[in-house]
Amino acid sequence: MVGISQLEHLENNLRHRLDIFAYLEKQLNWNHGVAFPGLRYSFLVKDRKAFEQRFLGRFNLSIWFTSVCQGRNLNWEQIQYQAGSCPVAEMVSKHIVNFPTHQRIDMAMFESEIEANLQWIKTELAF
């Protein structure tokens, strides 16, 4: 029943996500060239802890992919992973953040937070 209920709001949900995605693309002067954005707006920053701290209490960044072997930060040898064998994934797992795009994010509040922090955000972008 929940799934059917959510399908009734799918178009509005997708529009909201697209609006947030387009807003961020414009503010950050990016063009990811993504035809359909994901559930989150993900990007890399220099200092993830500082980024999380900056937005703490404003909205949940829900940091995903904190390890190259998601769910495991220790004892990689138990799953036959050797540190350094995937250097890009290891780097990304330390620098990725995700802005939420779901409908509980009020667009006016989101825009206000981004505009108030835009210059700082731009200085924190890793790439």
Protein backbone atom coordinates (compact mmCIF):
# COMPACT_ATOMS: atom_id res chain seq x y z
CA MET A 1 0.00 0.00 0.00
CA VAL A 2 2.83 2.43 0.80
CA GLY A 3 4.41 1.82 -2.60
CA ILE A 4 1.15 2.47 -4.42
CA SER A 5 0.63 5.64 -2.40
CA GLN A 6 4.12 6.81 -3.32
CA LEU A 7 3.48 6.14 -7.01
CA GLU A 8 0.59 8.61 -6.85
CA HIS A 9 3.13 11.31 -5.93
CA LEU A 10 5.92 10.15 -8.22
CA GLU A 11 5.66 13.01 -10.70
CA ASN A 12 5.81 15.67 -7.94
CA ASN A 13 8.66 13.82 -6.24
CA LEU A 14 10.69 13.67 -9.45
CA ARG A 15 9.97 17.33 -10.26
CA HIS A 16 11.17 18.38 -6.79
CA ARG A 17 14.38 16.38 -7.18
CA LEU A 18 14.98 17.84 -10.63
CA ASP A 19 14.39 21.37 -9.30
CA ILE A 20 16.97 20.91 -6.54
CA PHE A 21 19.42 19.32 -8.95
CA ALA A 22 19.01 22.17 -11.48
CA TYR A 23 19.35 24.78 -8.75
CA LEU A 24 22.62 23.28 -7.52
CA GLU A 25 23.96 22.92 -11.05
CA LYS A 26 23.28 26.60 -11.65
CA GLN A 27 24.71 27.79 -8.31
CA LEU A 28 27.86 25.70 -8.62
CA ASN A 29 28.15 26.47 -12.33
CA TRP A 30 28.34 22.78 -13.15
CA ASN A 31 26.81 20.68 -15.82
CA HIS A 32 26.96 17.03 -14.95
CA GLY A 33 25.08 16.22 -18.14
CA VAL A 34 22.87 13.80 -16.22
CA ALA A 35 19.49 13.32 -17.86
CA PHE A 36 17.96 12.10 -14.62
CA PRO A 37 19.50 12.91 -11.25
CA GLY A 38 19.72 10.36 -8.48
CA LEU A 39 18.27 10.43 -5.02
CA ARG A 40 21.07 12.66 -3.84
CA TYR A 41 23.30 15.31 -5.32
CA SER A 42 26.75 13.81 -4.72
CA PHE A 43 30.09 15.57 -5.07
CA LEU A 44 33.58 15.60 -3.59
CA VAL A 45 34.86 18.07 -1.01
CA LYS A 46 38.27 18.71 0.52
CA ASP A 47 37.18 18.13 4.12
CA ARG A 48 34.05 16.04 4.60
CA LYS A 49 34.01 16.50 8.39
CA ALA A 50 34.03 20.29 8.03
CA PHE A 51 31.28 20.05 5.42
CA GLU A 52 29.14 17.83 7.64
CA GLN A 53 29.69 20.18 10.58
CA ARG A 54 28.71 23.23 8.51
CA PHE A 55 25.31 21.75 7.62
CA LEU A 56 24.64 19.88 10.86
CA GLY A 57 21.09 20.58 11.97
CA ARG A 58 20.15 22.20 8.67
CA PHE A 59 19.63 19.04 6.65
CA ASN A 60 20.91 15.50 6.74
CA LEU A 61 23.75 14.90 4.32
CA SER A 62 23.49 11.13 4.94
CA ILE A 63 27.04 10.41 3.92
CA TRP A 64 27.14 7.27 1.80
CA PHE A 65 30.13 5.24 0.73
CA THR A 66 32.42 5.86 3.68
CA SER A 67 34.54 2.90 2.72
CA VAL A 68 35.72 1.34 -0.52
CA CYS A 69 34.12 -1.84 0.87
CA GLN A 70 30.85 -0.33 2.08
CA GLY A 71 29.97 -1.41 5.58
CA ARG A 72 33.53 -2.37 6.40
CA ASN A 73 36.24 -0.02 7.58
CA LEU A 74 38.53 -2.59 9.18
CA ASN A 75 39.90 -6.03 8.41
CA TRP A 76 39.68 -5.67 4.65
CA GLU A 77 41.97 -8.67 4.27
CA GLN A 78 39.08 -10.87 5.46
CA ILE A 79 37.30 -10.07 2.19
CA GLN A 80 40.52 -10.21 0.14
CA TYR A 81 40.74 -6.44 -0.39
CA GLN A 82 44.21 -4.94 -0.34
CA ALA A 83 44.54 -1.31 0.71
CA GLY A 84 45.73 0.76 -2.22
CA SER A 85 44.35 -1.54 -4.91
CA CYS A 86 41.51 0.91 -5.72
CA PRO A 87 43.02 4.33 -4.96
CA VAL A 88 40.25 6.34 -6.61
CA ALA A 89 37.52 4.53 -4.67
CA GLU A 90 39.52 4.99 -1.46
CA MET A 91 39.88 8.73 -2.13
CA VAL A 92 36.20 9.14 -3.02
CA SER A 93 35.10 7.29 0.12
CA LYS A 94 36.90 9.96 2.17
CA HIS A 95 35.62 13.02 0.29
CA ILE A 96 32.07 12.36 -0.96
CA VAL A 97 29.08 14.27 0.38
CA ASN A 98 25.46 14.18 -0.70
CA PHE A 99 22.89 16.95 -0.67
CA PRO A 100 19.39 15.54 -0.21
CA THR A 101 16.78 16.09 -2.89
CA HIS A 102 13.68 14.48 -1.33
CA GLN A 103 10.36 16.29 -0.94
CA ARG A 104 10.83 16.94 2.77
CA ILE A 105 13.52 19.43 1.76
CA ASP A 106 11.80 22.78 1.58
CA MET A 107 13.07 24.51 -1.56
CA ALA A 108 13.07 28.01 -0.05
CA MET A 109 15.02 26.84 3.02
CA PHE A 110 17.41 24.87 0.83
CA GLU A 111 18.07 27.84 -1.46
CA SER A 112 18.60 30.09 1.56
CA GLU A 113 21.16 27.69 3.07
CA ILE A 114 23.02 27.25 -0.21
CA GLU A 115 23.10 30.99 -0.94
CA ALA A 116 24.31 31.77 2.60
CA ASN A 117 27.11 29.22 2.24
CA LEU A 118 27.78 29.31 -1.50
CA GLN A 119 31.24 30.89 -1.45
CA TRP A 120 32.35 28.54 1.33
CA ILE A 121 30.95 25.53 -0.57
CA LYS A 122 32.85 26.55 -3.70
CA THR A 123 36.12 26.76 -1.75
CA GLU A 124 35.50 23.28 -0.31
CA LEU A 125 34.92 21.54 -3.64
CA ALA A 126 37.65 19.01 -4.23
CA PHE A 127 37.37 18.99 -8.00
